[in-house]
Amino acid sequence: MVVCLAAGNDGRHPTQKAHIGAQAGAKNCITISACVNKRPCVKDNDYDGERYDPTSKMIGSPERIAAFSSTGPTGEDRIKPDVVAPGTMILSACSSKIHTLDEKAGASKDKGWRFENGTSMATPLVSGCVAILRQVLTEKGMSNPSAALIKAMIINGAVDIKQPVAKQDFGRVDLANSIIVPGAITNKDYWENGVSKDGTVILTFPLSKYTKSLGVATTAATNLPLVTLKATMVYMDMAGAELQNNLNLRVT
């Protein structure tokens, strides 16, 4: 089971530099912070892109972290949150029992829906991506993909939005980047297994296999493709206040 948790909305806290704690600091979950949604918006709470306004000429930038979004790292300096997703001006279901409607994120013409801001708005978007990614893997023959594999693939496909690591960590989720279909996608691969008894695992992936179909430029000196190599390792750590296992990835 893949657990997705909202990072929290304490980004505007006047004294704290890091805010990730409690459930959002859990080691094995996917913790999600919020970036700005790409909707027409106005300046609100001294930050651009948190209030929807269809008449505005300004468009929110998904390259920016929402001002309210909690930042990392955790108390013991682990990387959190893990990824970001749009969390401002999200059109979400609205209960008919609400008599006083909060319209800080924008006004909706339909009473059955409301605009909301928060990392809890970004988290369901990632949960949906996780569900689709798992479905793709199961339909392609992997009967029971682990939560670690799903988390690794979500992180590996994330897009760097050039924000500080404490805010964006591995970047904004990009489902198309994360999906790997064996045989159909030739420049990506994944591997899932346990650690060997001596604590080492050696994997060999010939880069030529994954770069032939890219059609990319080559260097004059070596005639090798100019590509970006991304390698991501995720494991489910044992219960405990801090890391119980210290696994390291070395790419040679």
Protein backbone atom coordinates (compact mmCIF):
# COMPACT_ATOMS: atom_id res chain seq x y z
CA MET A 1 0.00 0.00 0.00
CA VAL A 2 1.33 3.41 -0.98
CA VAL A 3 0.61 6.07 1.64
CA CYS A 4 0.49 9.70 0.45
CA LEU A 5 0.53 12.49 3.04
CA ALA A 6 0.21 16.27 2.81
CA ALA A 7 3.33 18.14 3.94
CA GLY A 8 1.33 20.76 5.87
CA ASN A 9 0.56 24.45 5.47
CA ASP A 10 2.99 26.09 7.88
CA GLY A 11 5.21 27.74 5.28
CA ARG A 12 4.36 31.20 6.55
CA HIS A 13 5.37 30.40 10.13
CA PRO A 14 7.36 33.45 11.28
CA THR A 15 10.19 31.63 13.08
CA GLN A 16 10.45 28.02 11.93
CA LYS A 17 12.63 27.19 8.95
CA ALA A 18 11.56 23.55 8.70
CA HIS A 19 8.03 22.41 9.37
CA ILE A 20 7.80 18.75 8.36
CA GLY A 21 6.85 16.58 11.30
CA ALA A 22 4.21 14.21 12.68
CA GLN A 23 2.67 11.95 10.02
CA ALA A 24 4.17 13.92 7.11
CA GLY A 25 7.65 13.06 8.40
CA ALA A 26 7.08 9.31 8.12
CA LYS A 27 9.95 7.54 6.37
CA ASN A 28 8.08 5.28 3.96
CA CYS A 29 5.23 7.47 2.74
CA ILE A 30 5.20 9.92 -0.16
CA THR A 31 5.02 13.42 1.34
CA ILE A 32 3.67 16.12 -0.95
CA SER A 33 4.09 19.88 -0.87
CA ALA A 34 2.26 22.40 -3.05
CA CYS A 35 3.28 24.43 -6.06
CA VAL A 36 1.14 27.07 -7.78
CA ASN A 37 -1.64 26.01 -10.14
CA LYS A 38 -1.74 27.23 -13.73
CA ARG A 39 -4.95 29.28 -13.53
CA PRO A 40 -5.75 32.99 -13.95
CA CYS A 41 -5.04 34.51 -10.55
CA VAL A 42 -4.47 37.67 -8.55
CA LYS A 43 -1.96 38.69 -5.90
CA ASP A 44 -3.12 37.43 -2.51
CA ASN A 45 -1.44 37.26 0.89
CA ASP A 46 1.70 38.85 -0.50
CA TYR A 47 2.18 36.00 -2.96
CA ASP A 48 1.14 35.54 -6.59
CA GLY A 49 -1.12 32.70 -7.58
CA GLU A 50 -3.25 31.68 -4.61
CA ARG A 51 -6.58 33.26 -5.57
CA TYR A 52 -8.46 32.33 -8.76
CA ASP A 53 -9.78 35.22 -10.84
CA PRO A 54 -11.00 34.39 -14.37
CA THR A 55 -10.69 38.06 -15.38
CA SER A 56 -7.01 38.32 -14.44
CA LYS A 57 -4.29 38.49 -17.08
CA MET A 58 -1.80 36.92 -14.69
CA ILE A 59 -1.37 33.14 -14.88
CA GLY A 60 -0.11 31.11 -11.95
CA SER A 61 3.31 29.50 -12.37
CA PRO A 62 3.73 25.77 -11.53
CA GLU A 63 7.45 26.57 -11.20
CA ARG A 64 6.77 28.36 -7.90
CA ILE A 65 6.19 26.82 -4.49
CA ALA A 66 3.05 28.01 -2.72
CA ALA A 67 3.89 30.38 0.13
CA PHE A 68 1.92 28.32 2.66
CA SER A 69 3.56 24.99 1.80
CA SER A 70 5.59 23.48 4.64
CA THR A 71 9.28 22.96 4.00
CA GLY A 72 11.79 20.33 5.06
CA PRO A 73 13.91 18.69 6.15
CA THR A 74 12.63 16.60 9.07
CA GLY A 75 13.99 17.01 12.58
CA GLU A 76 16.73 14.45 11.94
CA ASP A 77 17.60 15.94 8.52
CA ARG A 78 15.87 13.43 6.27
CA ILE A 79 14.63 14.76 2.92
CA LYS A 80 10.96 15.71 3.12
CA PRO A 81 8.67 16.46 1.42
CA ASP A 82 9.37 14.04 -1.44
CA VAL A 83 7.62 15.73 -4.38
CA VAL A 84 5.38 18.70 -5.17
CA ALA A 85 2.12 19.08 -7.09
CA PRO A 86 -0.31 21.95 -7.79
CA GLY A 87 -2.07 22.89 -4.56
CA THR A 88 -3.51 26.36 -5.17
CA MET A 89 -6.86 27.28 -6.71
CA ILE A 90 -7.94 23.62 -6.85
CA LEU A 91 -11.62 23.16 -7.72
CA SER A 92 -12.86 20.65 -5.15
CA ALA A 93 -16.16 19.20 -3.98
CA CYS A 94 -18.21 21.38 -1.61
CA SER A 95 -20.69 20.08 0.97
CA SER A 96 -24.25 21.39 0.72
CA LYS A 97 -24.20 21.70 4.52
CA ILE A 98 -21.71 24.60 4.42
CA HIS A 99 -23.59 27.82 5.13
CA THR A 100 -20.67 30.28 5.13
CA LEU A 101 -18.38 29.61 2.20
CA ASP A 102 -14.70 30.51 2.41
CA GLU A 103 -13.74 32.03 -0.94
CA LYS A 104 -10.14 33.00 -0.18
CA ALA A 105 -8.94 30.80 -3.07
CA GLY A 106 -11.52 32.16 -5.50
CA ALA A 107 -15.26 32.16 -6.12
CA SER A 108 -17.01 29.29 -7.86
CA LYS A 109 -20.22 29.75 -9.83
CA ASP A 110 -21.35 26.23 -8.95
CA LYS A 111 -22.35 25.76 -5.29
CA GLY A 112 -21.40 22.09 -5.50
CA TRP A 113 -17.76 23.06 -5.99
CA ARG A 114 -15.31 25.38 -4.29
CA PHE A 115 -11.76 26.58 -4.84
CA GLU A 116 -9.29 25.58 -2.13
CA ASN A 117 -5.61 26.01 -1.33
CA GLY A 118 -3.45 23.58 0.61
CA THR A 119 -1.04 20.68 0.46
CA SER A 120 -4.12 18.54 1.09
CA MET A 121 -5.30 19.70 -2.34
CA ALA A 122 -1.99 18.68 -3.95
CA THR A 123 -1.90 15.25 -2.30
CA PRO A 124 -4.97 13.73 -4.04
CA LEU A 125 -3.47 14.69 -7.40
CA VAL A 126 -0.39 12.62 -6.58
CA SER A 127 -2.55 9.79 -5.19
CA GLY A 128 -4.30 9.64 -8.56
CA CYS A 129 -0.96 9.47 -10.35
CA VAL A 130 0.15 6.68 -8.01
CA ALA A 131 -3.03 4.70 -8.74
CA ILE A 132 -2.56 5.02 -12.50
CA LEU A 133 1.13 4.09 -12.27
CA ARG A 134 0.29 0.99 -10.25
CA GLN A 135 -2.43 0.03 -12.74
CA VAL A 136 0.03 0.30 -15.64
CA LEU A 137 2.51 -1.97 -13.84
CA THR A 138 -0.10 -4.59 -12.96
CA GLU A 139 -1.55 -4.60 -16.48
CA LYS A 140 1.95 -5.15 -17.89
CA GLY A 141 2.57 -8.26 -15.83
CA MET A 142 3.79 -7.15 -12.39
CA SER A 143 1.19 -8.70 -10.09
CA ASN A 144 2.08 -6.83 -6.90
CA PRO A 145 4.41 -3.82 -7.31
CA SER A 146 5.79 -2.67 -3.98
CA ALA A 147 5.18 0.74 -2.42
CA ALA A 148 8.95 1.33 -2.65
CA LEU A 149 8.95 0.77 -6.41
CA ILE A 150 5.97 3.09 -6.93
CA LYS A 151 7.61 5.79 -4.81
CA ALA A 152 10.91 5.40 -6.69
CA MET A 153 9.20 5.76 -10.08
CA ILE A 154 7.19 8.82 -8.97
CA ILE A 155 10.39 10.46 -7.68
CA ASN A 156 12.44 9.47 -10.74
CA GLY A 157 9.93 11.04 -13.12
CA ALA A 158 9.60 14.29 -11.15
CA VAL A 159 10.61 17.53 -12.88
CA ASP A 160 13.12 19.89 -11.30
CA ILE A 161 11.46 23.31 -10.92
CA LYS A 162 14.69 25.00 -9.76
CA GLN A 163 13.53 25.66 -6.21
CA PRO A 164 15.49 24.99 -2.99
CA VAL A 165 15.65 21.31 -2.06
CA ALA A 166 13.92 22.01 1.27
CA LYS A 167 10.86 23.18 -0.70
CA GLN A 168 10.72 21.08 -3.86
CA ASP A 169 12.95 18.14 -2.92
CA PHE A 170 12.84 15.82 -5.96
CA GLY A 171 10.55 18.09 -7.98
CA ARG A 172 7.05 18.34 -9.43
CA VAL A 173 5.28 15.08 -10.23
CA ASP A 174 5.09 14.21 -13.94
CA LEU A 175 3.13 11.00 -14.50
CA ALA A 176 4.17 10.60 -18.15
CA ASN A 177 7.82 10.79 -17.07
CA SER A 178 7.29 8.17 -14.37
CA ILE A 179 5.51 5.49 -16.39
CA ILE A 180 7.73 2.71 -17.70
CA VAL A 181 6.19 0.12 -20.01
CA PRO A 182 8.62 -2.76 -20.64
CA GLY A 183 9.32 -3.07 -24.37
CA ALA A 184 7.41 0.08 -25.30
CA ILE A 185 9.63 2.60 -23.53
CA THR A 186 13.24 1.84 -24.43
CA ASN A 187 15.20 4.46 -22.50
CA LYS A 188 14.02 3.57 -18.98
CA ASP A 189 13.97 0.52 -16.78
CA TYR A 190 13.30 -0.51 -13.20
CA TRP A 191 14.45 -3.29 -10.92
CA GLU A 192 12.96 -4.62 -7.71
CA ASN A 193 14.54 -7.02 -5.26
CA GLY A 194 15.97 -7.39 -1.79
CA VAL A 195 19.50 -6.65 -0.62
CA SER A 196 21.94 -9.59 -0.82
CA LYS A 197 23.31 -11.22 2.34
CA ASP A 198 26.60 -9.34 2.16
CA GLY A 199 24.73 -6.04 1.81
CA THR A 200 25.60 -5.41 -1.83
CA VAL A 201 23.67 -5.56 -5.06
CA ILE A 202 25.39 -5.01 -8.40
CA LEU A 203 23.18 -4.13 -11.35
CA THR A 204 24.47 -3.69 -14.89
CA PHE A 205 22.42 -1.68 -17.38
CA PRO A 206 24.25 -1.13 -20.72
CA LEU A 207 23.57 2.49 -21.59
CA SER A 208 23.71 1.75 -25.31
CA LYS A 209 20.53 -0.27 -24.93
CA TYR A 210 18.67 2.75 -23.61
CA THR A 211 20.14 5.49 -25.80
CA LYS A 212 20.01 4.06 -29.34
CA SER A 213 16.42 5.13 -29.91
CA LEU A 214 16.75 8.63 -28.48
CA GLY A 215 18.18 10.27 -31.60
CA VAL A 216 20.25 12.65 -29.46
CA ALA A 217 23.43 14.53 -30.30
CA THR A 218 26.78 12.91 -29.66
CA THR A 219 30.12 14.23 -28.48
CA ALA A 220 32.79 14.51 -31.18
CA ALA A 221 35.48 12.96 -29.01
CA THR A 222 33.75 9.74 -28.01
CA ASN A 223 30.69 9.58 -30.29
CA LEU A 224 28.65 8.73 -27.21
CA PRO A 225 25.11 10.08 -26.78
CA LEU A 226 24.63 13.19 -24.67
CA VAL A 227 21.95 12.07 -22.24
CA THR A 228 20.93 12.72 -18.64
CA LEU A 229 21.13 9.64 -16.47
CA LYS A 230 18.78 9.46 -13.48
CA ALA A 231 19.01 6.61 -10.98
CA THR A 232 16.68 6.46 -7.98
CA MET A 233 16.76 4.08 -5.03
CA VAL A 234 13.90 3.75 -2.54
CA TYR A 235 13.47 1.19 0.22
CA MET A 236 10.96 0.65 3.00
CA ASP A 237 12.79 1.25 6.28
CA MET A 238 12.00 -0.63 9.49
CA ALA A 239 9.90 1.04 12.18
CA GLY A 240 11.83 3.41 14.44
CA ALA A 241 12.25 7.10 15.21
CA GLU A 242 15.14 7.52 12.76
CA LEU A 243 16.63 5.55 9.86
CA GLN A 244 17.18 1.92 10.85
CA ASN A 245 19.04 1.01 7.64
CA ASN A 246 21.65 3.05 5.83
CA LEU A 247 21.58 1.98 2.19
CA ASN A 248 23.69 3.85 -0.35
CA LEU A 249 23.45 4.01 -4.12
CA ARG A 250 26.68 4.28 -6.13
CA VAL A 251 26.50 4.86 -9.87
CA THR A 252 29.70 4.12 -11.80
